[in-house]
């Protein structure tokens, strides 16, 4: 804290000189080796209870499939799409890939590029191949929403309705 500055509410509790004396006393105390040893000793030997360790997942829970909260590498994101753990996928984000993209990739036998869009016919978490359509561009996907007949067959990579 710079010299001459005093923390106060509406009315000054101490004079500027008193504030400066308090600040100097605190600095002297913090530099005192005995005070430092006392602070370190007060934090030594503190351990969490087994219940806290369990909640934190430090020593009682394993990682990955050994963790008691493991869901098989699947979870739903905030938009309602299912994510699958697949860290070796070239377009994985934080080790997860959208499940509907993986399903279309299995069907067409190649990776989808980031520009290619997959559309759900039903719910977002229903990733059966018969409920998915893949488009070559975002514009083709938007045209499909306005008028499904307005999309050219070349712009459709995969159509699960035809299975």
C-alpha atoms as a PDB file:
ATOM      1  CA  UNK A   1       0.000   0.000   0.000  1.00  0.00           C
ATOM      2  CA  UNK A   2       1.509   3.383  -0.936  1.00  0.00           C
ATOM      3  CA  UNK A   3       2.502   5.702   1.851  1.00  0.00           C
ATOM      4  CA  UNK A   4      -0.038   8.288   2.857  1.00  0.00           C
ATOM      5  CA  UNK A   5      -2.988   6.117   1.800  1.00  0.00           C
ATOM      6  CA  UNK A   6      -5.335   4.965   4.515  1.00  0.00           C
ATOM      7  CA  UNK A   7      -8.281   2.625   4.131  1.00  0.00           C
ATOM      8  CA  UNK A   8     -11.348   4.257   5.600  1.00  0.00           C
ATOM      9  CA  UNK A   9     -15.108   4.157   5.418  1.00  0.00           C
ATOM     10  CA  UNK A  10     -17.009   7.444   5.621  1.00  0.00           C
ATOM     11  CA  UNK A  11     -15.011   8.999   8.428  1.00  0.00           C
ATOM     12  CA  UNK A  12     -11.309   8.586   8.991  1.00  0.00           C
ATOM     13  CA  UNK A  13     -10.646   6.236  11.881  1.00  0.00           C
ATOM     14  CA  UNK A  14      -6.963   7.038  12.181  1.00  0.00           C
ATOM     15  CA  UNK A  15      -4.808   9.965  11.227  1.00  0.00           C
ATOM     16  CA  UNK A  16      -2.468   9.596   8.245  1.00  0.00           C
ATOM     17  CA  UNK A  17       0.469   9.234  10.601  1.00  0.00           C
ATOM     18  CA  UNK A  18      -1.304   6.490  12.592  1.00  0.00           C
ATOM     19  CA  UNK A  19      -2.084   4.620   9.354  1.00  0.00           C
ATOM     20  CA  UNK A  20       1.556   4.851   8.319  1.00  0.00           C
ATOM     21  CA  UNK A  21       2.671   3.511  11.717  1.00  0.00           C
ATOM     22  CA  UNK A  22       0.241   0.571  11.437  1.00  0.00           C
ATOM     23  CA  UNK A  23       1.495  -0.216   7.930  1.00  0.00           C
ATOM     24  CA  UNK A  24       5.128  -0.161   9.071  1.00  0.00           C
ATOM     25  CA  UNK A  25       4.344  -2.410  12.049  1.00  0.00           C
ATOM     26  CA  UNK A  26       2.622  -4.964   9.776  1.00  0.00           C
ATOM     27  CA  UNK A  27       5.529  -4.966   7.337  1.00  0.00           C
ATOM     28  CA  UNK A  28       7.944  -5.484  10.209  1.00  0.00           C
ATOM     29  CA  UNK A  29       5.788  -8.324  11.553  1.00  0.00           C
ATOM     30  CA  UNK A  30       5.568 -10.039   8.139  1.00  0.00           C
ATOM     31  CA  UNK A  31       9.361  -9.900   7.744  1.00  0.00           C
ATOM     32  CA  UNK A  32       9.926 -11.370  11.213  1.00  0.00           C
ATOM     33  CA  UNK A  33      11.225 -15.006  10.861  1.00  0.00           C
ATOM     34  CA  UNK A  34       9.480 -16.082  14.082  1.00  0.00           C
ATOM     35  CA  UNK A  35       6.137 -14.847  12.775  1.00  0.00           C
ATOM     36  CA  UNK A  36       6.686 -16.726   9.483  1.00  0.00           C
ATOM     37  CA  UNK A  37       7.569 -19.951  11.365  1.00  0.00           C
ATOM     38  CA  UNK A  38       4.434 -19.589  13.472  1.00  0.00           C
ATOM     39  CA  UNK A  39       2.270 -19.175  10.325  1.00  0.00           C
ATOM     40  CA  UNK A  40       3.838 -22.218   8.649  1.00  0.00           C
ATOM     41  CA  UNK A  41       3.465 -24.337  11.802  1.00  0.00           C
ATOM     42  CA  UNK A  42      -0.210 -23.448  12.107  1.00  0.00           C
ATOM     43  CA  UNK A  43      -0.839 -24.896   8.601  1.00  0.00           C
ATOM     44  CA  UNK A  44       1.264 -28.036   9.008  1.00  0.00           C
ATOM     45  CA  UNK A  45      -0.429 -31.341   9.589  1.00  0.00           C
ATOM     46  CA  UNK A  46      -3.858 -30.285   8.349  1.00  0.00           C
ATOM     47  CA  UNK A  47      -5.555 -33.132   6.539  1.00  0.00           C
ATOM     48  CA  UNK A  48      -8.944 -33.510   4.933  1.00  0.00           C
ATOM     49  CA  UNK A  49     -11.391 -36.044   6.265  1.00  0.00           C
ATOM     50  CA  UNK A  50     -11.978 -39.173   4.133  1.00  0.00           C
ATOM     51  CA  UNK A  51     -15.374 -37.762   3.136  1.00  0.00           C
ATOM     52  CA  UNK A  52     -13.769 -34.551   1.862  1.00  0.00           C
ATOM     53  CA  UNK A  53     -11.087 -36.509   0.007  1.00  0.00           C
ATOM     54  CA  UNK A  54     -13.852 -38.568  -1.624  1.00  0.00           C
ATOM     55  CA  UNK A  55     -15.699 -35.421  -2.724  1.00  0.00           C
ATOM     56  CA  UNK A  56     -12.516 -33.906  -4.105  1.00  0.00           C
ATOM     57  CA  UNK A  57     -11.582 -37.169  -5.800  1.00  0.00           C
ATOM     58  CA  UNK A  58      -7.969 -37.013  -4.624  1.00  0.00           C
ATOM     59  CA  UNK A  59      -7.025 -40.390  -3.274  1.00  0.00           C
ATOM     60  CA  UNK A  60     -10.148 -42.500  -3.057  1.00  0.00           C
ATOM     61  CA  UNK A  61     -11.288 -42.212  -6.690  1.00  0.00           C
ATOM     62  CA  UNK A  62      -9.381 -43.283  -9.749  1.00  0.00           C
ATOM     63  CA  UNK A  63      -9.151 -41.575 -13.094  1.00  0.00           C
ATOM     64  CA  UNK A  64     -11.148 -42.449 -16.186  1.00  0.00           C
ATOM     65  CA  UNK A  65     -13.025 -45.747 -16.032  1.00  0.00           C
ATOM     66  CA  UNK A  66     -11.743 -46.368 -12.477  1.00  0.00           C
ATOM     67  CA  UNK A  67     -13.664 -43.329 -11.231  1.00  0.00           C
ATOM     68  CA  UNK A  68     -17.017 -44.111  -9.611  1.00  0.00           C
ATOM     69  CA  UNK A  69     -18.660 -41.293 -11.599  1.00  0.00           C
ATOM     70  CA  UNK A  70     -17.436 -42.609 -14.981  1.00  0.00           C
ATOM     71  CA  UNK A  71     -20.226 -42.488 -17.565  1.00  0.00           C
ATOM     72  CA  UNK A  72     -18.509 -44.497 -20.275  1.00  0.00           C
ATOM     73  CA  UNK A  73     -16.874 -41.469 -21.856  1.00  0.00           C
ATOM     74  CA  UNK A  74     -20.199 -39.887 -22.830  1.00  0.00           C
ATOM     75  CA  UNK A  75     -21.885 -36.743 -21.612  1.00  0.00           C
ATOM     76  CA  UNK A  76     -24.352 -34.140 -22.825  1.00  0.00           C
ATOM     77  CA  UNK A  77     -23.207 -30.566 -23.428  1.00  0.00           C
ATOM     78  CA  UNK A  78     -25.232 -27.460 -22.575  1.00  0.00           C
ATOM     79  CA  UNK A  79     -26.838 -27.410 -26.052  1.00  0.00           C
ATOM     80  CA  UNK A  80     -28.146 -30.961 -25.666  1.00  0.00           C
ATOM     81  CA  UNK A  81     -25.672 -32.719 -27.986  1.00  0.00           C
ATOM     82  CA  UNK A  82     -23.974 -35.940 -26.890  1.00  0.00           C
ATOM     83  CA  UNK A  83     -20.166 -35.882 -26.651  1.00  0.00           C
ATOM     84  CA  UNK A  84     -18.018 -39.022 -26.803  1.00  0.00           C
ATOM     85  CA  UNK A  85     -14.467 -39.346 -25.490  1.00  0.00           C
ATOM     86  CA  UNK A  86     -12.151 -39.922 -28.459  1.00  0.00           C
ATOM     87  CA  UNK A  87      -8.831 -38.162 -27.960  1.00  0.00           C
ATOM     88  CA  UNK A  88      -7.290 -39.629 -31.141  1.00  0.00           C
ATOM     89  CA  UNK A  89      -9.873 -38.037 -33.448  1.00  0.00           C
ATOM     90  CA  UNK A  90      -8.298 -35.268 -35.590  1.00  0.00           C
ATOM     91  CA  UNK A  91     -11.095 -32.801 -34.757  1.00  0.00           C
ATOM     92  CA  UNK A  92     -11.480 -33.648 -31.047  1.00  0.00           C
ATOM     93  CA  UNK A  93     -11.908 -30.704 -28.709  1.00  0.00           C
ATOM     94  CA  UNK A  94     -10.584 -31.385 -25.201  1.00  0.00           C
ATOM     95  CA  UNK A  95     -10.610 -35.089 -26.097  1.00  0.00           C
ATOM     96  CA  UNK A  96     -14.335 -35.195 -26.987  1.00  0.00           C
ATOM     97  CA  UNK A  97     -16.157 -35.395 -30.337  1.00  0.00           C
ATOM     98  CA  UNK A  98     -19.839 -34.849 -31.103  1.00  0.00           C
ATOM     99  CA  UNK A  99     -21.487 -38.259 -31.329  1.00  0.00           C
ATOM    100  CA  UNK A 100     -23.649 -37.433 -34.363  1.00  0.00           C
ATOM    101  CA  UNK A 101     -20.533 -36.549 -36.359  1.00  0.00           C
ATOM    102  CA  UNK A 102     -18.951 -39.884 -35.390  1.00  0.00           C
ATOM    103  CA  UNK A 103     -22.077 -41.743 -36.532  1.00  0.00           C
ATOM    104  CA  UNK A 104     -22.025 -40.079 -39.960  1.00  0.00           C
ATOM    105  CA  UNK A 105     -18.270 -40.722 -40.261  1.00  0.00           C
ATOM    106  CA  UNK A 106     -18.891 -44.444 -39.653  1.00  0.00           C
ATOM    107  CA  UNK A 107     -21.551 -44.460 -42.360  1.00  0.00           C
ATOM    108  CA  UNK A 108     -19.521 -42.646 -45.050  1.00  0.00           C
ATOM    109  CA  UNK A 109     -16.159 -44.173 -44.112  1.00  0.00           C
ATOM    110  CA  UNK A 110     -14.152 -40.953 -43.731  1.00  0.00           C
ATOM    111  CA  UNK A 111     -13.710 -37.985 -41.386  1.00  0.00           C
ATOM    112  CA  UNK A 112     -16.032 -35.028 -41.827  1.00  0.00           C
ATOM    113  CA  UNK A 113     -14.339 -31.694 -42.445  1.00  0.00           C
ATOM    114  CA  UNK A 114     -15.119 -28.798 -40.085  1.00  0.00           C
ATOM    115  CA  UNK A 115     -17.202 -27.124 -42.848  1.00  0.00           C
ATOM    116  CA  UNK A 116     -19.516 -30.126 -43.205  1.00  0.00           C
ATOM    117  CA  UNK A 117     -22.676 -29.902 -41.083  1.00  0.00           C
ATOM    118  CA  UNK A 118     -24.758 -32.729 -39.597  1.00  0.00           C
ATOM    119  CA  UNK A 119     -28.496 -32.118 -39.116  1.00  0.00           C
ATOM    120  CA  UNK A 120     -30.700 -33.969 -36.608  1.00  0.00           C
ATOM    121  CA  UNK A 121     -34.166 -34.914 -37.852  1.00  0.00           C
ATOM    122  CA  UNK A 122     -35.437 -35.549 -34.306  1.00  0.00           C
ATOM    123  CA  UNK A 123     -34.019 -34.782 -30.889  1.00  0.00           C
ATOM    124  CA  UNK A 124     -30.406 -33.666 -30.502  1.00  0.00           C
ATOM    125  CA  UNK A 125     -29.461 -36.647 -28.357  1.00  0.00           C
ATOM    126  CA  UNK A 126     -30.976 -39.186 -30.812  1.00  0.00           C
ATOM    127  CA  UNK A 127     -27.926 -40.149 -32.872  1.00  0.00           C
ATOM    128  CA  UNK A 128     -29.228 -43.116 -34.835  1.00  0.00           C
ATOM    129  CA  UNK A 129     -28.040 -42.960 -38.471  1.00  0.00           C
ATOM    130  CA  UNK A 130     -31.647 -42.892 -39.738  1.00  0.00           C
ATOM    131  CA  UNK A 131     -32.143 -39.592 -37.860  1.00  0.00           C
ATOM    132  CA  UNK A 132     -29.146 -37.745 -39.361  1.00  0.00           C
ATOM    133  CA  UNK A 133     -28.439 -35.822 -42.573  1.00  0.00           C
ATOM    134  CA  UNK A 134     -24.989 -34.441 -43.469  1.00  0.00           C
ATOM    135  CA  UNK A 135     -24.518 -31.378 -45.682  1.00  0.00           C
ATOM    136  CA  UNK A 136     -21.397 -30.131 -47.441  1.00  0.00           C
ATOM    137  CA  UNK A 137     -21.855 -26.532 -46.254  1.00  0.00           C
ATOM    138  CA  UNK A 138     -23.635 -24.353 -43.753  1.00  0.00           C
ATOM    139  CA  UNK A 139     -25.591 -22.631 -46.517  1.00  0.00           C
ATOM    140  CA  UNK A 140     -27.009 -25.967 -47.720  1.00  0.00           C
ATOM    141  CA  UNK A 141     -28.078 -26.739 -44.158  1.00  0.00           C
ATOM    142  CA  UNK A 142     -29.804 -23.358 -43.809  1.00  0.00           C
ATOM    143  CA  UNK A 143     -31.603 -23.847 -47.133  1.00  0.00           C
ATOM    144  CA  UNK A 144     -32.763 -27.263 -45.896  1.00  0.00           C
ATOM    145  CA  UNK A 145     -34.391 -25.575 -42.887  1.00  0.00           C
ATOM    146  CA  UNK A 146     -36.270 -23.121 -45.137  1.00  0.00           C
ATOM    147  CA  UNK A 147     -37.230 -25.587 -47.889  1.00  0.00           C
ATOM    148  CA  UNK A 148     -35.984 -29.213 -47.932  1.00  0.00           C
ATOM    149  CA  UNK A 149     -36.624 -29.415 -51.703  1.00  0.00           C
ATOM    150  CA  UNK A 150     -34.223 -26.514 -52.334  1.00  0.00           C
ATOM    151  CA  UNK A 151     -31.075 -28.545 -51.519  1.00  0.00           C
ATOM    152  CA  UNK A 152     -29.162 -30.144 -54.411  1.00  0.00           C
ATOM    153  CA  UNK A 153     -28.287 -33.822 -54.169  1.00  0.00           C
ATOM    154  CA  UNK A 154     -24.550 -32.977 -54.550  1.00  0.00           C
ATOM    155  CA  UNK A 155     -24.727 -30.906 -51.360  1.00  0.00           C
ATOM    156  CA  UNK A 156     -26.030 -33.839 -49.332  1.00  0.00           C
ATOM    157  CA  UNK A 157     -23.173 -36.060 -48.113  1.00  0.00           C
ATOM    158  CA  UNK A 158     -25.318 -38.523 -46.174  1.00  0.00           C
ATOM    159  CA  UNK A 159     -29.086 -38.908 -45.839  1.00  0.00           C
ATOM    160  CA  UNK A 160     -30.173 -41.312 -43.108  1.00  0.00           C
ATOM    161  CA  UNK A 161     -33.808 -41.165 -44.220  1.00  0.00           C
ATOM    162  CA  UNK A 162     -32.904 -43.295 -47.248  1.00  0.00           C
ATOM    163  CA  UNK A 163     -31.511 -46.179 -45.147  1.00  0.00           C
END
